[in-house]
Amino acid sequence: MDDDVAVDFGEDGLVPAVAQDAETGEVLMLAYVSPEALERTRETGRAHYYSRSREELWEKGATSGHVQSVAEIRVDCDADTLLYVVEQAGGACHTGH
């Protein structure tokens, strides 16, 4: 993702982000991203999201070990949705899948 792209975080300050397996193309999960989560993802190379239920930033796999290393960040044509192309370690979903 070009750092010059202005992501439209909308009124609630969040955009949906789909995580896709870099190797298989499989869609792994959908979560939401705040400006801070996107910045942390860019800085660390690991997927960060914003939990709407807990109202806090979280790093995927920080407690489970099922981290997502981000190979690429893509943005859709109107800049209000992200695609994280990731290398997934372990299950991507909170259900263990």
N, C-alpha and C. Protein backbone atom coordinates (compact mmCIF):
# COMPACT_ATOMS: atom_id res chain seq x y z
N MET A 1 0.84 -1.18 0.00
CA MET A 1 0.00 0.00 0.00
C MET A 1 0.88 1.23 0.00
N ASP A 2 0.55 2.12 -0.86
CA ASP A 2 1.25 3.39 -0.95
C ASP A 2 0.91 4.23 0.27
N ASP A 3 1.91 4.71 0.98
CA ASP A 3 1.67 5.50 2.19
C ASP A 3 0.95 6.81 1.89
N ASP A 4 0.89 7.22 0.60
CA ASP A 4 0.24 8.46 0.23
C ASP A 4 -1.27 8.30 0.08
N VAL A 5 -1.77 7.07 0.08
CA VAL A 5 -3.20 6.83 -0.04
C VAL A 5 -3.89 7.28 1.24
N ALA A 6 -4.89 8.13 1.11
CA ALA A 6 -5.65 8.61 2.26
C ALA A 6 -6.81 7.65 2.50
N VAL A 7 -6.68 6.81 3.50
CA VAL A 7 -7.73 5.86 3.84
C VAL A 7 -8.89 6.61 4.47
N ASP A 8 -10.11 6.30 4.01
CA ASP A 8 -11.32 6.94 4.53
C ASP A 8 -11.82 6.12 5.71
N PHE A 9 -11.52 6.56 6.92
CA PHE A 9 -11.92 5.84 8.13
C PHE A 9 -13.36 6.13 8.54
N GLY A 10 -14.04 6.98 7.82
CA GLY A 10 -15.46 7.22 8.06
C GLY A 10 -15.75 7.88 9.40
N GLU A 11 -17.05 7.97 9.70
CA GLU A 11 -17.49 8.66 10.92
C GLU A 11 -17.08 7.95 12.20
N ASP A 12 -17.00 6.62 12.15
CA ASP A 12 -16.65 5.88 13.38
C ASP A 12 -15.15 5.65 13.53
N GLY A 13 -14.36 6.11 12.55
CA GLY A 13 -12.91 6.00 12.65
C GLY A 13 -12.37 4.61 12.38
N LEU A 14 -13.16 3.76 11.71
CA LEU A 14 -12.75 2.39 11.43
C LEU A 14 -13.02 2.03 9.98
N VAL A 15 -12.21 1.12 9.44
CA VAL A 15 -12.47 0.53 8.13
C VAL A 15 -12.40 -0.98 8.27
N PRO A 16 -13.21 -1.70 7.48
CA PRO A 16 -13.10 -3.16 7.49
C PRO A 16 -11.81 -3.59 6.80
N ALA A 17 -11.22 -4.66 7.31
CA ALA A 17 -10.03 -5.23 6.70
C ALA A 17 -10.22 -6.74 6.58
N VAL A 18 -10.06 -7.23 5.38
CA VAL A 18 -10.13 -8.66 5.12
C VAL A 18 -8.70 -9.19 5.15
N ALA A 19 -8.49 -10.29 5.89
CA ALA A 19 -7.18 -10.96 5.90
C ALA A 19 -7.27 -12.13 4.93
N GLN A 20 -6.32 -12.17 4.01
CA GLN A 20 -6.27 -13.21 2.98
C GLN A 20 -4.93 -13.91 3.05
N ASP A 21 -4.95 -15.24 2.98
CA ASP A 21 -3.72 -16.03 3.01
C ASP A 21 -2.89 -15.75 1.76
N ALA A 22 -1.65 -15.34 1.95
CA ALA A 22 -0.77 -14.98 0.84
C ALA A 22 -0.46 -16.17 -0.07
N GLU A 23 -0.42 -17.36 0.49
CA GLU A 23 -0.07 -18.54 -0.30
C GLU A 23 -1.26 -19.12 -1.05
N THR A 24 -2.40 -19.25 -0.37
CA THR A 24 -3.55 -19.94 -0.96
C THR A 24 -4.61 -19.02 -1.52
N GLY A 25 -4.63 -17.76 -1.10
CA GLY A 25 -5.67 -16.83 -1.51
C GLY A 25 -6.94 -16.96 -0.69
N GLU A 26 -6.96 -17.91 0.27
CA GLU A 26 -8.13 -18.13 1.11
C GLU A 26 -8.41 -16.90 1.97
N VAL A 27 -9.70 -16.53 2.05
CA VAL A 27 -10.10 -15.47 2.95
C VAL A 27 -10.13 -16.05 4.36
N LEU A 28 -9.40 -15.42 5.27
CA LEU A 28 -9.24 -15.95 6.62
C LEU A 28 -10.19 -15.31 7.63
N MET A 29 -10.36 -14.01 7.55
CA MET A 29 -11.17 -13.33 8.55
C MET A 29 -11.44 -11.90 8.11
N LEU A 30 -12.38 -11.28 8.80
CA LEU A 30 -12.69 -9.87 8.63
C LEU A 30 -12.62 -9.23 10.01
N ALA A 31 -11.98 -8.09 10.08
CA ALA A 31 -11.91 -7.35 11.34
C ALA A 31 -11.89 -5.87 10.97
N TYR A 32 -11.80 -5.02 11.97
CA TYR A 32 -11.80 -3.59 11.73
C TYR A 32 -10.46 -2.98 12.12
N VAL A 33 -10.12 -1.90 11.42
CA VAL A 33 -8.83 -1.25 11.59
C VAL A 33 -9.05 0.24 11.85
N SER A 34 -8.38 0.74 12.87
CA SER A 34 -8.36 2.17 13.17
C SER A 34 -7.08 2.76 12.57
N PRO A 35 -6.97 4.08 12.53
CA PRO A 35 -5.71 4.67 12.05
C PRO A 35 -4.49 4.16 12.83
N GLU A 36 -4.63 4.02 14.15
CA GLU A 36 -3.51 3.53 14.97
C GLU A 36 -3.18 2.08 14.63
N ALA A 37 -4.19 1.26 14.41
CA ALA A 37 -3.95 -0.14 14.06
C ALA A 37 -3.21 -0.25 12.73
N LEU A 38 -3.60 0.57 11.76
CA LEU A 38 -2.93 0.57 10.46
C LEU A 38 -1.48 1.01 10.61
N GLU A 39 -1.26 2.04 11.40
CA GLU A 39 0.11 2.53 11.64
C GLU A 39 0.97 1.44 12.30
N ARG A 40 0.43 0.76 13.31
CA ARG A 40 1.18 -0.30 13.99
C ARG A 40 1.47 -1.47 13.05
N THR A 41 0.50 -1.79 12.18
CA THR A 41 0.71 -2.85 11.20
C THR A 41 1.86 -2.49 10.28
N ARG A 42 1.86 -1.27 9.79
CA ARG A 42 2.94 -0.81 8.89
C ARG A 42 4.29 -0.83 9.62
N GLU A 43 4.31 -0.41 10.87
CA GLU A 43 5.56 -0.34 11.64
C GLU A 43 6.14 -1.72 11.95
N THR A 44 5.28 -2.67 12.31
CA THR A 44 5.75 -3.96 12.81
C THR A 44 5.73 -5.08 11.79
N GLY A 45 4.90 -4.95 10.74
CA GLY A 45 4.74 -6.03 9.78
C GLY A 45 3.83 -7.15 10.27
N ARG A 46 3.19 -6.93 11.43
CA ARG A 46 2.23 -7.89 11.99
C ARG A 46 0.85 -7.22 12.03
N ALA A 47 -0.19 -7.99 11.76
CA ALA A 47 -1.54 -7.44 11.68
C ALA A 47 -2.03 -6.93 13.02
N HIS A 48 -2.51 -5.70 13.01
CA HIS A 48 -3.15 -5.09 14.17
C HIS A 48 -4.55 -4.68 13.75
N TYR A 49 -5.48 -4.82 14.68
CA TYR A 49 -6.88 -4.51 14.44
C TYR A 49 -7.43 -3.71 15.61
N TYR A 50 -8.70 -3.28 15.46
CA TYR A 50 -9.38 -2.60 16.55
C TYR A 50 -10.59 -3.43 16.94
N SER A 51 -10.68 -3.81 18.18
CA SER A 51 -11.81 -4.58 18.68
C SER A 51 -12.95 -3.64 19.02
N ARG A 52 -14.05 -3.77 18.31
CA ARG A 52 -15.22 -2.93 18.59
C ARG A 52 -15.87 -3.34 19.91
N SER A 53 -15.84 -4.62 20.23
CA SER A 53 -16.48 -5.07 21.47
C SER A 53 -15.67 -4.68 22.70
N ARG A 54 -14.35 -4.76 22.61
CA ARG A 54 -13.50 -4.39 23.75
C ARG A 54 -13.06 -2.94 23.70
N GLU A 55 -13.30 -2.30 22.55
CA GLU A 55 -12.89 -0.91 22.33
C GLU A 55 -11.42 -0.70 22.59
N GLU A 56 -10.59 -1.57 21.94
CA GLU A 56 -9.14 -1.44 22.10
C GLU A 56 -8.40 -2.01 20.91
N LEU A 57 -7.19 -1.52 20.73
CA LEU A 57 -6.29 -2.02 19.70
C LEU A 57 -5.81 -3.41 20.09
N TRP A 58 -5.67 -4.32 19.11
CA TRP A 58 -5.12 -5.64 19.42
C TRP A 58 -4.26 -6.14 18.27
N GLU A 59 -3.21 -6.85 18.63
CA GLU A 59 -2.33 -7.48 17.66
C GLU A 59 -2.76 -8.94 17.51
N LYS A 60 -3.05 -9.34 16.28
CA LYS A 60 -3.48 -10.71 16.01
C LYS A 60 -2.38 -11.67 16.47
N GLY A 61 -2.76 -12.59 17.36
CA GLY A 61 -1.84 -13.62 17.82
C GLY A 61 -1.00 -13.24 19.02
N ALA A 62 -1.19 -12.07 19.56
CA ALA A 62 -0.37 -11.64 20.71
C ALA A 62 -0.50 -12.59 21.89
N THR A 63 -1.69 -13.13 22.10
CA THR A 63 -1.87 -14.08 23.20
C THR A 63 -1.92 -15.53 22.72
N SER A 64 -2.45 -15.77 21.52
CA SER A 64 -2.60 -17.14 21.02
C SER A 64 -1.37 -17.67 20.31
N GLY A 65 -0.52 -16.76 19.82
CA GLY A 65 0.62 -17.17 19.01
C GLY A 65 0.27 -17.34 17.55
N HIS A 66 -0.99 -17.14 17.18
CA HIS A 66 -1.45 -17.30 15.80
C HIS A 66 -1.33 -15.97 15.06
N VAL A 67 -0.09 -15.54 14.89
CA VAL A 67 0.19 -14.22 14.33
C VAL A 67 -0.05 -14.18 12.83
N GLN A 68 -0.27 -12.98 12.35
CA GLN A 68 -0.38 -12.73 10.92
C GLN A 68 0.75 -11.79 10.52
N SER A 69 1.69 -12.31 9.74
CA SER A 69 2.74 -11.47 9.18
C SER A 69 2.20 -10.89 7.88
N VAL A 70 2.19 -9.58 7.78
CA VAL A 70 1.57 -8.91 6.64
C VAL A 70 2.57 -8.75 5.51
N ALA A 71 2.26 -9.42 4.39
CA ALA A 71 3.12 -9.34 3.21
C ALA A 71 2.79 -8.10 2.38
N GLU A 72 1.50 -7.72 2.40
CA GLU A 72 1.06 -6.61 1.57
C GLU A 72 -0.24 -6.05 2.14
N ILE A 73 -0.41 -4.75 2.00
CA ILE A 73 -1.67 -4.10 2.35
C ILE A 73 -2.21 -3.49 1.07
N ARG A 74 -3.45 -3.85 0.74
CA ARG A 74 -4.10 -3.28 -0.43
C ARG A 74 -5.32 -2.49 0.02
N VAL A 75 -5.68 -1.50 -0.79
CA VAL A 75 -6.85 -0.67 -0.48
C VAL A 75 -7.78 -0.69 -1.69
N ASP A 76 -9.09 -0.67 -1.43
CA ASP A 76 -10.03 -0.70 -2.55
C ASP A 76 -10.10 0.67 -3.22
N CYS A 77 -10.90 0.76 -4.30
CA CYS A 77 -10.90 1.94 -5.16
C CYS A 77 -11.34 3.23 -4.47
N ASP A 78 -12.24 3.13 -3.49
CA ASP A 78 -12.65 4.36 -2.80
C ASP A 78 -12.04 4.48 -1.40
N ALA A 79 -11.03 3.68 -1.14
CA ALA A 79 -10.18 3.78 0.05
C ALA A 79 -10.93 3.63 1.37
N ASP A 80 -12.00 2.79 1.37
CA ASP A 80 -12.72 2.58 2.63
C ASP A 80 -12.74 1.12 3.07
N THR A 81 -11.90 0.30 2.46
CA THR A 81 -11.74 -1.11 2.84
C THR A 81 -10.31 -1.53 2.57
N LEU A 82 -9.75 -2.32 3.48
CA LEU A 82 -8.38 -2.80 3.33
C LEU A 82 -8.35 -4.30 3.12
N LEU A 83 -7.30 -4.76 2.45
CA LEU A 83 -7.00 -6.17 2.33
C LEU A 83 -5.61 -6.38 2.88
N TYR A 84 -5.52 -7.20 3.92
CA TYR A 84 -4.21 -7.60 4.45
C TYR A 84 -3.88 -8.95 3.84
N VAL A 85 -2.84 -9.01 3.04
CA VAL A 85 -2.36 -10.27 2.49
C VAL A 85 -1.33 -10.78 3.50
N VAL A 86 -1.62 -11.93 4.13
CA VAL A 86 -0.85 -12.35 5.30
C VAL A 86 -0.29 -13.76 5.18
N GLU A 87 0.74 -14.00 5.95
CA GLU A 87 1.24 -15.34 6.21
C GLU A 87 0.75 -15.69 7.60
N GLN A 88 -0.18 -16.65 7.67
CA GLN A 88 -0.85 -16.99 8.91
C GLN A 88 -0.14 -18.12 9.64
N ALA A 89 0.13 -17.91 10.92
CA ALA A 89 0.68 -18.98 11.79
C ALA A 89 -0.45 -19.48 12.67
N GLY A 90 -0.83 -20.73 12.53
CA GLY A 90 -1.93 -21.29 13.32
C GLY A 90 -3.26 -20.85 12.78
N GLY A 91 -4.32 -21.03 13.57
CA GLY A 91 -5.67 -20.68 13.16
C GLY A 91 -5.89 -19.18 13.14
N ALA A 92 -6.65 -18.72 12.14
CA ALA A 92 -6.92 -17.29 12.03
C ALA A 92 -8.13 -16.86 12.83
N CYS A 93 -9.07 -17.77 13.01
CA CYS A 93 -10.34 -17.42 13.64
C CYS A 93 -10.29 -17.71 15.14
N HIS A 94 -11.05 -16.91 15.90
CA HIS A 94 -11.11 -17.12 17.35
C HIS A 94 -11.72 -18.48 17.70
N THR A 95 -12.36 -19.12 16.71
CA THR A 95 -12.93 -20.46 16.95
C THR A 95 -11.87 -21.55 16.79
N GLY A 96 -10.66 -21.14 16.37
CA GLY A 96 -9.57 -22.10 16.22
C GLY A 96 -9.35 -22.61 14.81
N HIS A 97 -10.19 -22.18 13.90
CA HIS A 97 -10.07 -22.59 12.49
C HIS A 97 -9.15 -21.67 11.72
